[in-house]
């Protein structure tokens, strides 16, 4: 019975050894300056999808008439502090529309649908 336990654990031990060796040779994602919130030298465009029903406009944006879902204090903060430009491929009015658009993207090919 003990032999079976040891044999069963050998693949696990091998996996642990392999992963520990791999970590020694891996390259750090952040090289040089270690600040993950450092502003990018070149502008980076980030495209998102989201749900935004009429409640957002009637409650939140009602108090900030100069702001929209696509242009607001947060998109400006990302632009000014990180040099990130946020844009949306689509903004769905509700969860059902969002799911339908995602399913269409998967069926038709995400790259073609979202580009």
N, C-alpha and C. Protein backbone atom coordinates (compact mmCIF):
# COMPACT_ATOMS: atom_id res chain seq x y z
N UNK A 1 0.82 -1.19 0.00
CA UNK A 1 0.00 0.00 0.00
C UNK A 1 0.86 1.26 0.00
N UNK A 2 1.96 1.28 0.77
CA UNK A 2 2.86 2.43 0.81
C UNK A 2 3.50 2.68 -0.54
N UNK A 3 3.85 1.59 -1.27
CA UNK A 3 4.46 1.74 -2.58
C UNK A 3 3.50 2.45 -3.54
N UNK A 4 2.21 2.14 -3.46
CA UNK A 4 1.22 2.77 -4.33
C UNK A 4 1.13 4.27 -4.06
N UNK A 5 1.20 4.65 -2.78
CA UNK A 5 1.15 6.07 -2.43
C UNK A 5 2.37 6.80 -2.99
N UNK A 6 3.52 6.20 -2.83
CA UNK A 6 4.75 6.82 -3.32
C UNK A 6 4.72 6.94 -4.83
N UNK A 7 4.31 5.91 -5.52
CA UNK A 7 4.23 5.94 -6.98
C UNK A 7 3.21 6.98 -7.43
N UNK A 8 2.12 7.09 -6.72
CA UNK A 8 1.09 8.06 -7.08
C UNK A 8 1.58 9.49 -6.88
N UNK A 9 2.49 9.70 -5.93
CA UNK A 9 2.99 11.04 -5.65
C UNK A 9 4.14 11.46 -6.56
N UNK A 10 4.78 10.53 -7.26
CA UNK A 10 5.92 10.86 -8.11
C UNK A 10 5.60 11.91 -9.17
N UNK A 11 4.49 11.82 -9.89
CA UNK A 11 4.20 12.87 -10.87
C UNK A 11 4.04 14.25 -10.22
N UNK A 12 3.45 14.29 -9.04
CA UNK A 12 3.29 15.56 -8.33
C UNK A 12 4.64 16.14 -7.95
N UNK A 13 5.53 15.32 -7.44
CA UNK A 13 6.87 15.77 -7.08
C UNK A 13 7.61 16.28 -8.32
N UNK A 14 7.50 15.55 -9.41
CA UNK A 14 8.14 15.98 -10.66
C UNK A 14 7.60 17.31 -11.14
N UNK A 15 6.30 17.49 -11.03
CA UNK A 15 5.68 18.75 -11.43
C UNK A 15 6.17 19.90 -10.56
N UNK A 16 6.25 19.68 -9.26
CA UNK A 16 6.75 20.71 -8.35
C UNK A 16 8.20 21.07 -8.65
N UNK A 17 9.01 20.07 -8.90
CA UNK A 17 10.42 20.34 -9.24
C UNK A 17 10.54 21.11 -10.55
N UNK A 18 9.76 20.72 -11.53
CA UNK A 18 9.81 21.41 -12.83
C UNK A 18 9.36 22.85 -12.69
N UNK A 19 8.33 23.09 -11.92
CA UNK A 19 7.84 24.45 -11.78
C UNK A 19 8.82 25.32 -10.99
N UNK A 20 9.49 24.74 -10.02
CA UNK A 20 10.46 25.53 -9.25
C UNK A 20 11.68 25.86 -10.11
N UNK A 21 12.08 24.97 -10.99
CA UNK A 21 13.19 25.26 -11.90
C UNK A 21 12.78 26.31 -12.93
N UNK A 22 11.57 26.23 -13.39
CA UNK A 22 11.10 27.19 -14.39
C UNK A 22 11.07 28.59 -13.81
N UNK A 23 10.73 28.74 -12.55
CA UNK A 23 10.66 30.06 -11.93
C UNK A 23 12.03 30.71 -11.84
N UNK A 24 13.09 29.94 -11.72
CA UNK A 24 14.43 30.50 -11.64
C UNK A 24 14.85 31.14 -12.96
N UNK A 25 14.34 30.64 -14.07
CA UNK A 25 14.73 31.14 -15.38
C UNK A 25 13.72 32.11 -15.98
N UNK A 26 12.63 32.38 -15.29
CA UNK A 26 11.60 33.23 -15.86
C UNK A 26 12.03 34.69 -15.83
N UNK A 27 11.49 35.45 -16.77
CA UNK A 27 11.80 36.86 -16.88
C UNK A 27 10.70 37.64 -16.18
N UNK A 28 11.08 38.64 -15.44
CA UNK A 28 10.10 39.47 -14.75
C UNK A 28 9.28 40.24 -15.78
N UNK A 29 7.98 40.35 -15.52
CA UNK A 29 7.11 41.11 -16.41
C UNK A 29 7.49 42.58 -16.38
N UNK A 30 7.81 43.08 -15.21
CA UNK A 30 8.19 44.48 -15.07
C UNK A 30 9.70 44.54 -14.96
N UNK A 31 10.34 45.07 -15.97
CA UNK A 31 11.78 45.20 -15.96
C UNK A 31 12.13 46.67 -15.79
N UNK A 32 13.30 46.95 -15.28
CA UNK A 32 13.71 48.34 -15.12
C UNK A 32 12.96 48.99 -13.99
N UNK A 33 12.23 50.04 -14.30
CA UNK A 33 11.46 50.76 -13.29
C UNK A 33 10.37 49.86 -12.75
N UNK A 34 10.33 49.68 -11.45
CA UNK A 34 9.40 48.74 -10.81
C UNK A 34 8.03 49.35 -10.53
N UNK A 35 7.78 50.58 -10.94
CA UNK A 35 6.50 51.23 -10.68
C UNK A 35 5.46 50.78 -11.69
N UNK A 36 4.46 49.96 -11.27
CA UNK A 36 3.45 49.47 -12.21
C UNK A 36 2.48 50.57 -12.65
N UNK A 37 2.49 51.72 -11.96
CA UNK A 37 1.59 52.81 -12.30
C UNK A 37 2.29 53.95 -13.02
N UNK A 38 3.45 53.65 -13.56
CA UNK A 38 4.21 54.66 -14.30
C UNK A 38 3.50 54.93 -15.63
N UNK A 39 3.49 56.18 -16.03
CA UNK A 39 2.85 56.59 -17.28
C UNK A 39 3.60 55.98 -18.47
N UNK A 40 2.85 55.40 -19.41
CA UNK A 40 3.46 54.84 -20.61
C UNK A 40 4.04 55.96 -21.46
N UNK A 41 5.18 55.68 -22.07
CA UNK A 41 5.82 56.68 -22.93
C UNK A 41 4.95 56.97 -24.15
N UNK A 42 4.40 55.93 -24.74
CA UNK A 42 3.53 56.09 -25.90
C UNK A 42 2.09 55.81 -25.48
N UNK A 43 1.16 56.46 -26.17
CA UNK A 43 -0.26 56.26 -25.86
C UNK A 43 -0.65 54.80 -26.10
N UNK A 44 -1.43 54.26 -25.16
CA UNK A 44 -1.92 52.89 -25.26
C UNK A 44 -3.44 52.96 -25.36
N UNK A 45 -3.99 52.35 -26.40
CA UNK A 45 -5.44 52.32 -26.59
C UNK A 45 -6.01 51.03 -26.01
N UNK A 46 -6.99 51.17 -25.13
CA UNK A 46 -7.64 50.03 -24.51
C UNK A 46 -9.10 50.06 -24.94
N UNK A 47 -9.54 48.97 -25.58
CA UNK A 47 -10.92 48.88 -26.03
C UNK A 47 -11.68 47.92 -25.14
N UNK A 48 -12.82 48.37 -24.63
CA UNK A 48 -13.62 47.60 -23.70
C UNK A 48 -15.03 47.41 -24.23
N UNK A 49 -15.78 46.56 -23.58
CA UNK A 49 -17.22 46.43 -23.79
C UNK A 49 -17.87 46.57 -22.43
N UNK A 50 -19.11 47.06 -22.41
CA UNK A 50 -19.75 47.22 -21.11
C UNK A 50 -21.26 47.30 -21.23
N UNK A 51 -21.91 47.21 -20.08
CA UNK A 51 -23.35 47.41 -19.96
C UNK A 51 -23.56 48.76 -19.28
N UNK A 52 -24.44 49.56 -19.83
CA UNK A 52 -24.78 50.84 -19.21
C UNK A 52 -26.25 51.12 -19.48
N UNK A 53 -27.07 50.81 -18.52
CA UNK A 53 -28.50 51.04 -18.71
C UNK A 53 -28.85 52.51 -18.42
N UNK A 54 -30.10 52.86 -18.59
CA UNK A 54 -30.53 54.25 -18.43
C UNK A 54 -30.39 54.75 -16.99
N UNK A 55 -30.26 53.84 -16.04
CA UNK A 55 -30.11 54.24 -14.64
C UNK A 55 -28.83 55.04 -14.44
N UNK A 56 -27.78 54.69 -15.13
CA UNK A 56 -26.52 55.41 -14.99
C UNK A 56 -26.70 56.86 -15.42
N UNK A 57 -27.36 57.07 -16.53
CA UNK A 57 -27.57 58.43 -17.00
C UNK A 57 -28.49 59.21 -16.07
N UNK A 58 -29.54 58.57 -15.59
CA UNK A 58 -30.51 59.30 -14.76
C UNK A 58 -30.02 59.52 -13.33
N UNK A 59 -29.10 58.71 -12.85
CA UNK A 59 -28.65 58.88 -11.47
C UNK A 59 -27.26 59.52 -11.41
N UNK A 60 -26.29 58.88 -11.95
CA UNK A 60 -24.91 59.35 -11.82
C UNK A 60 -24.62 60.54 -12.75
N UNK A 61 -24.83 60.35 -14.03
CA UNK A 61 -24.47 61.39 -14.99
C UNK A 61 -25.37 62.61 -14.91
N UNK A 62 -26.51 62.47 -14.30
CA UNK A 62 -27.41 63.60 -14.11
C UNK A 62 -26.74 64.69 -13.26
N UNK A 63 -25.87 64.29 -12.35
CA UNK A 63 -25.17 65.24 -11.48
C UNK A 63 -23.92 65.83 -12.12
N UNK A 64 -23.49 65.25 -13.23
CA UNK A 64 -22.28 65.70 -13.91
C UNK A 64 -22.60 65.92 -15.39
N UNK A 65 -23.23 67.02 -15.73
CA UNK A 65 -23.72 67.23 -17.10
C UNK A 65 -22.61 67.29 -18.16
N UNK A 66 -21.37 67.59 -17.77
CA UNK A 66 -20.28 67.66 -18.74
C UNK A 66 -19.63 66.31 -18.99
N UNK A 67 -20.09 65.27 -18.31
CA UNK A 67 -19.49 63.95 -18.45
C UNK A 67 -20.44 62.98 -19.14
N UNK A 68 -19.83 62.03 -19.86
CA UNK A 68 -20.59 60.96 -20.51
C UNK A 68 -19.97 59.64 -20.10
N UNK A 69 -20.58 58.57 -20.53
CA UNK A 69 -20.03 57.25 -20.21
C UNK A 69 -18.66 57.07 -20.87
N UNK A 70 -18.49 57.64 -22.05
CA UNK A 70 -17.23 57.46 -22.78
C UNK A 70 -16.20 58.55 -22.49
N UNK A 71 -16.62 59.66 -21.90
CA UNK A 71 -15.71 60.76 -21.59
C UNK A 71 -16.07 61.32 -20.23
N UNK A 72 -15.31 60.91 -19.21
CA UNK A 72 -15.61 61.32 -17.85
C UNK A 72 -14.32 61.45 -17.04
N UNK A 73 -14.45 61.75 -15.78
CA UNK A 73 -13.27 61.98 -14.93
C UNK A 73 -12.35 60.77 -14.87
N UNK A 74 -12.89 59.58 -15.01
CA UNK A 74 -12.05 58.38 -14.95
C UNK A 74 -11.28 58.16 -16.25
N UNK A 75 -11.94 58.36 -17.39
CA UNK A 75 -11.22 58.22 -18.66
C UNK A 75 -10.13 59.28 -18.76
N UNK A 76 -10.40 60.47 -18.25
CA UNK A 76 -9.39 61.54 -18.24
C UNK A 76 -8.24 61.21 -17.30
N UNK A 77 -8.56 60.61 -16.16
CA UNK A 77 -7.52 60.22 -15.21
C UNK A 77 -6.60 59.18 -15.82
N UNK A 78 -7.17 58.17 -16.48
CA UNK A 78 -6.35 57.16 -17.16
C UNK A 78 -5.47 57.79 -18.21
N UNK A 79 -6.01 58.74 -18.95
CA UNK A 79 -5.25 59.41 -20.01
C UNK A 79 -4.12 60.24 -19.41
N UNK A 80 -4.42 61.04 -18.41
CA UNK A 80 -3.42 61.96 -17.85
C UNK A 80 -2.36 61.26 -17.01
N UNK A 81 -2.74 60.28 -16.24
CA UNK A 81 -1.80 59.63 -15.32
C UNK A 81 -1.05 58.46 -15.93
N UNK A 82 -1.69 57.73 -16.87
CA UNK A 82 -1.08 56.51 -17.40
C UNK A 82 -0.87 56.54 -18.91
N UNK A 83 -1.42 57.55 -19.59
CA UNK A 83 -1.37 57.64 -21.05
C UNK A 83 -2.17 56.51 -21.70
N UNK A 84 -3.29 56.14 -21.06
CA UNK A 84 -4.20 55.13 -21.59
C UNK A 84 -5.44 55.82 -22.15
N UNK A 85 -5.81 55.46 -23.36
CA UNK A 85 -7.04 55.97 -23.94
C UNK A 85 -8.06 54.84 -23.93
N UNK A 86 -9.18 55.08 -23.25
CA UNK A 86 -10.23 54.09 -23.11
C UNK A 86 -11.30 54.35 -24.17
N UNK A 87 -11.64 53.31 -24.91
CA UNK A 87 -12.76 53.40 -25.85
C UNK A 87 -13.59 52.12 -25.72
N UNK A 88 -14.80 52.17 -26.25
CA UNK A 88 -15.71 51.04 -26.12
C UNK A 88 -16.09 50.51 -27.50
N UNK A 89 -15.97 49.21 -27.68
CA UNK A 89 -16.44 48.56 -28.91
C UNK A 89 -17.95 48.62 -28.97
N UNK A 90 -18.58 48.38 -27.83
CA UNK A 90 -20.02 48.56 -27.74
C UNK A 90 -20.41 48.79 -26.28
N UNK A 91 -21.52 49.48 -26.11
CA UNK A 91 -22.12 49.69 -24.79
C UNK A 91 -23.54 49.17 -24.89
N UNK A 92 -23.80 48.07 -24.23
CA UNK A 92 -25.12 47.43 -24.28
C UNK A 92 -26.06 48.10 -23.28
N UNK A 93 -27.33 48.17 -23.63
CA UNK A 93 -28.33 48.81 -22.78
C UNK A 93 -28.76 47.92 -21.62
N UNK A 94 -28.58 46.60 -21.77
CA UNK A 94 -28.99 45.70 -20.69
C UNK A 94 -28.20 44.39 -20.81
N UNK A 95 -28.37 43.54 -19.83
CA UNK A 95 -27.62 42.28 -19.78
C UNK A 95 -27.93 41.38 -20.97
N UNK A 96 -29.18 41.34 -21.39
CA UNK A 96 -29.56 40.49 -22.53
C UNK A 96 -28.87 40.96 -23.81
N UNK A 97 -28.86 42.26 -24.07
CA UNK A 97 -28.17 42.80 -25.25
C UNK A 97 -26.67 42.50 -25.18
N UNK A 98 -26.10 42.65 -23.99
CA UNK A 98 -24.67 42.38 -23.80
C UNK A 98 -24.35 40.93 -24.14
N UNK A 99 -25.14 40.02 -23.58
CA UNK A 99 -24.90 38.59 -23.83
C UNK A 99 -25.07 38.26 -25.30
N UNK A 100 -26.08 38.84 -25.96
CA UNK A 100 -26.29 38.60 -27.39
C UNK A 100 -25.10 39.06 -28.21
N UNK A 101 -24.56 40.23 -27.89
CA UNK A 101 -23.41 40.74 -28.63
C UNK A 101 -22.17 39.87 -28.41
N UNK A 102 -21.98 39.41 -27.19
CA UNK A 102 -20.85 38.53 -26.90
C UNK A 102 -20.99 37.21 -27.65
N UNK A 103 -22.19 36.64 -27.64
CA UNK A 103 -22.44 35.38 -28.36
C UNK A 103 -22.21 35.59 -29.86
N UNK A 104 -22.70 36.69 -30.42
CA UNK A 104 -22.46 36.99 -31.84
C UNK A 104 -20.97 37.05 -32.12
N UNK A 105 -20.23 37.67 -31.20
CA UNK A 105 -18.79 37.76 -31.37
C UNK A 105 -18.12 36.40 -31.37
N UNK A 106 -18.57 35.53 -30.49
CA UNK A 106 -17.99 34.19 -30.42
C UNK A 106 -18.34 33.39 -31.66
N UNK A 107 -19.60 33.46 -32.09
CA UNK A 107 -20.05 32.70 -33.25
C UNK A 107 -19.37 33.19 -34.52
N UNK A 108 -19.28 34.50 -34.69
CA UNK A 108 -18.72 35.07 -35.91
C UNK A 108 -17.21 35.23 -35.87
N UNK A 109 -16.62 34.99 -34.74
CA UNK A 109 -15.18 35.18 -34.59
C UNK A 109 -14.93 36.51 -33.92
N UNK A 110 -14.39 36.47 -32.74
CA UNK A 110 -14.19 37.68 -31.94
C UNK A 110 -13.44 38.75 -32.71
N UNK A 111 -12.36 38.39 -33.37
CA UNK A 111 -11.55 39.37 -34.09
C UNK A 111 -12.33 40.13 -35.12
N UNK A 112 -13.08 39.41 -35.94
CA UNK A 112 -13.85 40.05 -37.01
C UNK A 112 -15.00 40.87 -36.45
N UNK A 113 -15.66 40.35 -35.42
CA UNK A 113 -16.83 41.01 -34.87
C UNK A 113 -16.45 42.31 -34.15
N UNK A 114 -15.40 42.25 -33.37
CA UNK A 114 -15.04 43.40 -32.56
C UNK A 114 -14.16 44.41 -33.28
N UNK A 115 -13.62 44.06 -34.42
CA UNK A 115 -12.73 45.04 -35.09
C UNK A 115 -13.51 45.91 -36.04
